[in-house]
PDB file of N, CA and C in Angstrom:
ATOM      1  N   MET A   1     -45.809  -8.692 -63.130  1.00  0.00           N
ATOM      2  CA  MET A   1     -44.118  -8.306 -63.369  1.00  0.00           C
ATOM      3  C   MET A   1     -43.828  -7.080 -61.938  1.00  0.00           C
ATOM      4  N   MET A   2     -42.813  -7.278 -61.571  1.00  0.00           N
ATOM      5  CA  MET A   2     -42.277  -6.578 -60.009  1.00  0.00           C
ATOM      6  C   MET A   2     -41.675  -5.759 -60.938  1.00  0.00           C
ATOM      7  N   SER A   3     -41.708  -4.074 -60.925  1.00  0.00           N
ATOM      8  CA  SER A   3     -40.636  -3.592 -60.951  1.00  0.00           C
ATOM      9  C   SER A   3     -39.181  -3.464 -59.925  1.00  0.00           C
ATOM     10  N   ASP A   4     -38.582  -2.861 -60.649  1.00  0.00           N
ATOM     11  CA  ASP A   4     -37.334  -2.686 -59.374  1.00  0.00           C
ATOM     12  C   ASP A   4     -37.246  -1.458 -58.704  1.00  0.00           C
ATOM     13  N   ASP A   5     -38.357  -1.096 -57.994  1.00  0.00           N
ATOM     14  CA  ASP A   5     -38.273   0.309 -57.088  1.00  0.00           C
ATOM     15  C   ASP A   5     -37.204   0.135 -55.925  1.00  0.00           C
ATOM     16  N   PRO A   6     -36.598   1.060 -55.919  1.00  0.00           N
ATOM     17  CA  PRO A   6     -35.509   1.023 -54.844  1.00  0.00           C
ATOM     18  C   PRO A   6     -36.531   0.691 -53.274  1.00  0.00           C
ATOM     19  N   GLU A   7     -37.670   1.590 -53.482  1.00  0.00           N
ATOM     20  CA  GLU A   7     -38.462   1.700 -51.550  1.00  0.00           C
ATOM     21  C   GLU A   7     -38.871  -0.052 -51.883  1.00  0.00           C
ATOM     22  N   ARG A   8     -39.130  -0.541 -52.785  1.00  0.00           N
ATOM     23  CA  ARG A   8     -39.947  -2.075 -52.485  1.00  0.00           C
ATOM     24  C   ARG A   8     -38.213  -3.362 -52.780  1.00  0.00           C
ATOM     25  N   SER A   9     -37.692  -2.708 -52.948  1.00  0.00           N
ATOM     26  CA  SER A   9     -36.218  -3.426 -52.392  1.00  0.00           C
ATOM     27  C   SER A   9     -35.817  -3.191 -50.939  1.00  0.00           C
ATOM     28  N   LEU A  10     -35.807  -1.899 -50.831  1.00  0.00           N
ATOM     29  CA  LEU A  10     -35.756  -1.721 -49.200  1.00  0.00           C
ATOM     30  C   LEU A  10     -36.474  -2.327 -48.134  1.00  0.00           C
ATOM     31  N   SER A  11     -37.803  -2.669 -48.485  1.00  0.00           N
ATOM     32  CA  SER A  11     -38.968  -2.960 -47.882  1.00  0.00           C
ATOM     33  C   SER A  11     -38.740  -4.540 -47.900  1.00  0.00           C
ATOM     34  N   ARG A  12     -37.828  -5.030 -49.096  1.00  0.00           N
ATOM     35  CA  ARG A  12     -37.775  -6.875 -48.566  1.00  0.00           C
ATOM     36  C   ARG A  12     -36.703  -7.100 -48.335  1.00  0.00           C
ATOM     37  N   ARG A  13     -35.265  -6.400 -48.336  1.00  0.00           N
ATOM     38  CA  ARG A  13     -34.492  -6.109 -47.108  1.00  0.00           C
ATOM     39  C   ARG A  13     -34.665  -6.344 -45.610  1.00  0.00           C
ATOM     40  N   ALA A  14     -35.978  -5.190 -45.397  1.00  0.00           N
ATOM     41  CA  ALA A  14     -36.429  -4.507 -43.955  1.00  0.00           C
ATOM     42  C   ALA A  14     -37.216  -6.355 -43.596  1.00  0.00           C
ATOM     43  N   ALA A  15     -38.100  -6.270 -44.409  1.00  0.00           N
ATOM     44  CA  ALA A  15     -38.834  -7.596 -44.411  1.00  0.00           C
ATOM     45  C   ALA A  15     -37.600  -9.490 -43.788  1.00  0.00           C
ATOM     46  N   GLU A  16     -36.725  -9.225 -44.934  1.00  0.00           N
ATOM     47  CA  GLU A  16     -35.519 -10.270 -44.528  1.00  0.00           C
ATOM     48  C   GLU A  16     -35.154 -10.125 -43.401  1.00  0.00           C
ATOM     49  N   GLY A  17     -34.694  -8.893 -42.533  1.00  0.00           N
ATOM     50  CA  GLY A  17     -34.333  -8.266 -41.662  1.00  0.00           C
ATOM     51  C   GLY A  17     -35.693  -9.039 -40.323  1.00  0.00           C
ATOM     52  N   LEU A  18     -36.485  -8.260 -40.691  1.00  0.00           N
ATOM     53  CA  LEU A  18     -37.841  -8.894 -39.893  1.00  0.00           C
ATOM     54  C   LEU A  18     -37.830 -10.186 -39.446  1.00  0.00           C
ATOM     55  N   ARG A  19     -37.849 -11.285 -40.380  1.00  0.00           N
ATOM     56  CA  ARG A  19     -37.620 -12.364 -40.202  1.00  0.00           C
ATOM     57  C   ARG A  19     -36.743 -13.342 -39.525  1.00  0.00           C
ATOM     58  N   GLY A  20     -35.535 -12.659 -39.502  1.00  0.00           N
ATOM     59  CA  GLY A  20     -34.530 -12.742 -38.650  1.00  0.00           C
ATOM     60  C   GLY A  20     -34.418 -13.015 -37.647  1.00  0.00           C
ATOM     61  N   ASP A  21     -34.998 -11.404 -37.182  1.00  0.00           N
ATOM     62  CA  ASP A  21     -35.399 -11.257 -35.660  1.00  0.00           C
ATOM     63  C   ASP A  21     -36.302 -12.148 -34.922  1.00  0.00           C
ATOM     64  N   LEU A  22     -37.267 -12.220 -35.944  1.00  0.00           N
ATOM     65  CA  LEU A  22     -38.442 -13.463 -35.521  1.00  0.00           C
ATOM     66  C   LEU A  22     -37.897 -14.437 -35.102  1.00  0.00           C
ATOM     67  N   TYR A  23     -37.474 -15.322 -35.972  1.00  0.00           N
ATOM     68  CA  TYR A  23     -36.482 -16.664 -35.728  1.00  0.00           C
ATOM     69  C   TYR A  23     -35.996 -16.776 -34.573  1.00  0.00           C
ATOM     70  N   GLY A  24     -34.925 -15.380 -34.021  1.00  0.00           N
ATOM     71  CA  GLY A  24     -34.233 -15.365 -32.923  1.00  0.00           C
ATOM     72  C   GLY A  24     -34.794 -15.275 -32.372  1.00  0.00           C
ATOM     73  N   LEU A  25     -36.002 -14.111 -32.133  1.00  0.00           N
ATOM     74  CA  LEU A  25     -37.158 -14.225 -30.999  1.00  0.00           C
ATOM     75  C   LEU A  25     -37.827 -15.484 -30.383  1.00  0.00           C
ATOM     76  N   GLN A  26     -38.296 -16.467 -31.238  1.00  0.00           N
ATOM     77  CA  GLN A  26     -38.348 -17.677 -32.047  1.00  0.00           C
ATOM     78  C   GLN A  26     -37.866 -18.933 -30.791  1.00  0.00           C
ATOM     79  N   SER A  27     -36.626 -18.567 -30.981  1.00  0.00           N
ATOM     80  CA  SER A  27     -35.768 -19.649 -30.155  1.00  0.00           C
ATOM     81  C   SER A  27     -35.129 -19.105 -29.183  1.00  0.00           C
ATOM     82  N   ASP A  28     -35.685 -17.774 -28.644  1.00  0.00           N
ATOM     83  CA  ASP A  28     -35.700 -17.586 -27.299  1.00  0.00           C
ATOM     84  C   ASP A  28     -36.720 -18.044 -26.316  1.00  0.00           C
ATOM     85  N   ILE A  29     -37.754 -17.976 -27.143  1.00  0.00           N
ATOM     86  CA  ILE A  29     -38.907 -18.222 -26.715  1.00  0.00           C
ATOM     87  C   ILE A  29     -39.002 -19.731 -25.900  1.00  0.00           C
ATOM     88  N   GLU A  30     -38.107 -20.338 -27.240  1.00  0.00           N
ATOM     89  CA  GLU A  30     -38.458 -21.920 -27.272  1.00  0.00           C
ATOM     90  C   GLU A  30     -37.303 -22.432 -26.070  1.00  0.00           C
ATOM     91  N   VAL A  31     -36.322 -21.915 -25.472  1.00  0.00           N
ATOM     92  CA  VAL A  31     -35.214 -22.094 -24.528  1.00  0.00           C
ATOM     93  C   VAL A  31     -35.859 -21.467 -23.452  1.00  0.00           C
ATOM     94  N   VAL A  32     -36.923 -20.184 -23.533  1.00  0.00           N
ATOM     95  CA  VAL A  32     -37.806 -19.835 -21.593  1.00  0.00           C
ATOM     96  C   VAL A  32     -38.757 -21.323 -21.544  1.00  0.00           C
ATOM     97  N   GLN A  33     -39.573 -21.637 -22.283  1.00  0.00           N
ATOM     98  CA  GLN A  33     -40.328 -22.545 -22.244  1.00  0.00           C
ATOM     99  C   GLN A  33     -39.850 -24.306 -21.354  1.00  0.00           C
ATOM    100  N   ARG A  34     -38.437 -24.163 -22.242  1.00  0.00           N
ATOM    101  CA  ARG A  34     -37.758 -25.234 -21.485  1.00  0.00           C
ATOM    102  C   ARG A  34     -37.644 -25.016 -20.403  1.00  0.00           C
ATOM    103  N   GLN A  35     -36.702 -24.340 -19.818  1.00  0.00           N
ATOM    104  CA  GLN A  35     -36.724 -23.940 -18.618  1.00  0.00           C
ATOM    105  C   GLN A  35     -37.529 -23.587 -17.652  1.00  0.00           C
ATOM    106  N   ILE A  36     -38.853 -23.147 -18.195  1.00  0.00           N
ATOM    107  CA  ILE A  36     -40.114 -23.251 -17.065  1.00  0.00           C
ATOM    108  C   ILE A  36     -41.029 -24.137 -16.817  1.00  0.00           C
ATOM    109  N   ALA A  37     -40.642 -25.374 -17.946  1.00  0.00           N
ATOM    110  CA  ALA A  37     -40.912 -26.838 -18.136  1.00  0.00           C
ATOM    111  C   ALA A  37     -39.925 -27.882 -16.874  1.00  0.00           C
ATOM    112  N   GLN A  38     -38.796 -27.022 -16.763  1.00  0.00           N
ATOM    113  CA  GLN A  38     -37.581 -27.612 -15.576  1.00  0.00           C
ATOM    114  C   GLN A  38     -38.294 -27.213 -14.396  1.00  0.00           C
ATOM    115  N   LEU A  39     -38.593 -26.550 -13.950  1.00  0.00           N
ATOM    116  CA  LEU A  39     -39.123 -25.775 -12.644  1.00  0.00           C
ATOM    117  C   LEU A  39     -40.018 -26.362 -12.566  1.00  0.00           C
ATOM    118  N   ALA A  40     -39.923 -26.858 -10.550  1.00  0.00           N
ATOM    119  CA  ALA A  40     -40.126 -27.770  -9.664  1.00  0.00           C
ATOM    120  C   ALA A  40     -41.764 -27.608  -9.741  1.00  0.00           C
ATOM    121  N   THR A  41     -42.564 -28.274  -9.698  1.00  0.00           N
ATOM    122  CA  THR A  41     -43.888 -28.347  -9.367  1.00  0.00           C
ATOM    123  C   THR A  41     -44.332 -28.250  -8.102  1.00  0.00           C
ATOM    124  N   ARG A  42     -45.578 -27.879  -7.687  1.00  0.00           N
ATOM    125  CA  ARG A  42     -46.343 -27.696  -7.248  1.00  0.00           C
ATOM    126  C   ARG A  42     -46.304 -28.785  -5.906  1.00  0.00           C
ATOM    127  N   GLY A  43     -46.386 -30.606  -6.626  1.00  0.00           N
ATOM    128  CA  GLY A  43     -46.503 -31.438  -5.859  1.00  0.00           C
ATOM    129  C   GLY A  43     -44.983 -31.732  -5.411  1.00  0.00           C
ATOM    130  N   ASP A  44     -43.847 -31.119  -6.426  1.00  0.00           N
ATOM    131  CA  ASP A  44     -43.001 -31.971  -6.551  1.00  0.00           C
ATOM    132  C   ASP A  44     -42.249 -31.200  -5.496  1.00  0.00           C
ATOM    133  N   ILE A  45     -42.778 -29.766  -4.699  1.00  0.00           N
ATOM    134  CA  ILE A  45     -42.538 -28.654  -3.347  1.00  0.00           C
ATOM    135  C   ILE A  45     -43.093 -29.116  -2.088  1.00  0.00           C
ATOM    136  N   TRP A  46     -43.858 -29.481  -2.891  1.00  0.00           N
ATOM    137  CA  TRP A  46     -44.941 -30.813  -1.477  1.00  0.00           C
ATOM    138  C   TRP A  46     -44.109 -31.519  -0.358  1.00  0.00           C
ATOM    139  N   ARG A  47     -43.594 -32.523  -1.898  1.00  0.00           N
ATOM    140  CA  ARG A  47     -43.203 -33.824  -1.363  1.00  0.00           C
ATOM    141  C   ARG A  47     -41.885 -33.229  -0.332  1.00  0.00           C
ATOM    142  N   ILE A  48     -40.734 -32.643  -1.149  1.00  0.00           N
ATOM    143  CA  ILE A  48     -39.676 -31.765  -0.673  1.00  0.00           C
ATOM    144  C   ILE A  48     -40.242 -31.324   0.857  1.00  0.00           C
ATOM    145  N   GLY A  49     -41.048 -30.418   0.834  1.00  0.00           N
ATOM    146  CA  GLY A  49     -41.034 -30.194   2.597  1.00  0.00           C
ATOM    147  C   GLY A  49     -41.821 -31.268   3.093  1.00  0.00           C
ATOM    148  N   LEU A  50     -42.319 -32.526   2.823  1.00  0.00           N
ATOM    149  CA  LEU A  50     -42.806 -33.390   3.516  1.00  0.00           C
ATOM    150  C   LEU A  50     -41.486 -34.091   4.115  1.00  0.00           C
ATOM    151  N   VAL A  51     -41.001 -34.537   3.298  1.00  0.00           N
ATOM    152  CA  VAL A  51     -39.727 -35.278   3.276  1.00  0.00           C
ATOM    153  C   VAL A  51     -38.523 -34.350   4.311  1.00  0.00           C
ATOM    154  N   ILE A  52     -38.341 -33.001   4.573  1.00  0.00           N
ATOM    155  CA  ILE A  52     -37.796 -32.290   5.186  1.00  0.00           C
ATOM    156  C   ILE A  52     -38.435 -32.025   6.641  1.00  0.00           C
ATOM    157  N   ALA A  53     -39.587 -31.833   6.911  1.00  0.00           N
ATOM    158  CA  ALA A  53     -40.326 -32.003   7.914  1.00  0.00           C
ATOM    159  C   ALA A  53     -39.978 -33.395   8.816  1.00  0.00           C
ATOM    160  N   ALA A  54     -39.954 -34.440   7.802  1.00  0.00           N
ATOM    161  CA  ALA A  54     -39.793 -35.459   8.355  1.00  0.00           C
ATOM    162  C   ALA A  54     -38.803 -35.984   9.155  1.00  0.00           C
ATOM    163  N   GLY A  55     -38.141 -35.824   8.233  1.00  0.00           N
ATOM    164  CA  GLY A  55     -36.031 -35.741   8.692  1.00  0.00           C
ATOM    165  C   GLY A  55     -35.940 -34.711   9.681  1.00  0.00           C
ATOM    166  N   ALA A  56     -36.482 -33.693   9.997  1.00  0.00           N
ATOM    167  CA  ALA A  56     -36.410 -33.118  10.709  1.00  0.00           C
ATOM    168  C   ALA A  56     -37.044 -33.834  12.231  1.00  0.00           C
ATOM    169  N   VAL A  57     -38.075 -34.500  12.136  1.00  0.00           N
ATOM    170  CA  VAL A  57     -38.458 -35.062  13.335  1.00  0.00           C
ATOM    171  C   VAL A  57     -37.509 -36.178  13.630  1.00  0.00           C
ATOM    172  N   VAL A  58     -37.214 -36.777  13.185  1.00  0.00           N
ATOM    173  CA  VAL A  58     -36.783 -38.050  13.204  1.00  0.00           C
ATOM    174  C   VAL A  58     -35.028 -37.434  13.630  1.00  0.00           C
ATOM    175  N   ALA A  59     -34.506 -36.591  13.241  1.00  0.00           N
ATOM    176  CA  ALA A  59     -33.497 -36.322  13.753  1.00  0.00           C
ATOM    177  C   ALA A  59     -33.950 -35.192  15.316  1.00  0.00           C
ATOM    178  N   THR A  60     -34.932 -34.905  15.209  1.00  0.00           N
ATOM    179  CA  THR A  60     -35.433 -34.160  17.068  1.00  0.00           C
ATOM    180  C   THR A  60     -34.941 -35.703  17.590  1.00  0.00           C
ATOM    181  N   VAL A  61     -36.164 -36.547  17.353  1.00  0.00           N
ATOM    182  CA  VAL A  61     -36.034 -37.716  18.321  1.00  0.00           C
ATOM    183  C   VAL A  61     -34.656 -38.108  18.930  1.00  0.00           C
ATOM    184  N   ILE A  62     -33.814 -37.953  17.636  1.00  0.00           N
ATOM    185  CA  ILE A  62     -32.772 -39.091  17.776  1.00  0.00           C
ATOM    186  C   ILE A  62     -31.890 -38.134  18.773  1.00  0.00           C
ATOM    187  N   VAL A  63     -31.508 -37.106  18.239  1.00  0.00           N
ATOM    188  CA  VAL A  63     -30.915 -35.770  19.325  1.00  0.00           C
ATOM    189  C   VAL A  63     -31.550 -36.094  21.192  1.00  0.00           C
ATOM    190  N   ILE A  64     -33.071 -35.920  21.053  1.00  0.00           N
ATOM    191  CA  ILE A  64     -33.745 -36.320  22.437  1.00  0.00           C
ATOM    192  C   ILE A  64     -33.218 -37.651  23.153  1.00  0.00           C
ATOM    193  N   GLY A  65     -32.959 -38.583  22.193  1.00  0.00           N
ATOM    194  CA  GLY A  65     -32.607 -40.012  22.712  1.00  0.00           C
ATOM    195  C   GLY A  65     -31.249 -39.699  23.258  1.00  0.00           C
ATOM    196  N   VAL A  66     -30.883 -39.533  23.043  1.00  0.00           N
ATOM    197  CA  VAL A  66     -29.488 -39.577  23.264  1.00  0.00           C
ATOM    198  C   VAL A  66     -29.280 -38.446  24.255  1.00  0.00           C
ATOM    199  N   VAL A  67     -29.884 -37.887  24.378  1.00  0.00           N
ATOM    200  CA  VAL A  67     -29.169 -36.628  25.507  1.00  0.00           C
ATOM    201  C   VAL A  67     -30.099 -36.809  26.274  1.00  0.00           C
ATOM    202  N   LEU A  68     -31.100 -37.825  26.430  1.00  0.00           N
ATOM    203  CA  LEU A  68     -31.893 -38.528  27.721  1.00  0.00           C
ATOM    204  C   LEU A  68     -30.734 -39.526  28.194  1.00  0.00           C
ATOM    205  N   SER A  69     -30.254 -39.984  26.744  1.00  0.00           N
ATOM    206  CA  SER A  69     -29.452 -41.330  27.455  1.00  0.00           C
ATOM    207  C   SER A  69     -28.098 -41.150  28.389  1.00  0.00           C
ATOM    208  N   PHE A  70     -27.364 -39.726  28.231  1.00  0.00           N
ATOM    209  CA  PHE A  70     -26.364 -39.428  28.964  1.00  0.00           C
ATOM    210  C   PHE A  70     -26.757 -38.519  30.242  1.00  0.00           C
ATOM    211  N   LEU A  71     -27.671 -38.233  30.565  1.00  0.00           N
ATOM    212  CA  LEU A  71     -28.524 -37.642  31.797  1.00  0.00           C
ATOM    213  C   LEU A  71     -29.021 -38.822  32.704  1.00  0.00           C
ATOM    214  N   ARG A  72     -28.866 -40.407  32.135  1.00  0.00           N
ATOM    215  CA  ARG A  72     -29.586 -41.242  33.359  1.00  0.00           C
ATOM    216  C   ARG A  72     -28.389 -41.302  34.166  1.00  0.00           C
TER     217      ARG A  72
END
């Protein structure tokens, strides 16, 4: 049988408060994990860079072609 010791009930209240804090922290961690999962991977960044580089080459060739056609 448990006694109604005030120190013991204070500890229970403190434990309940800590439990609430723990649930809040777990919720925050889940939010951060979801945000990290949405970050671009190394492969995604590589593909984006390749597309940008290829687009720059195509744009350069077009501009050079237009400039050369006006110089004739």
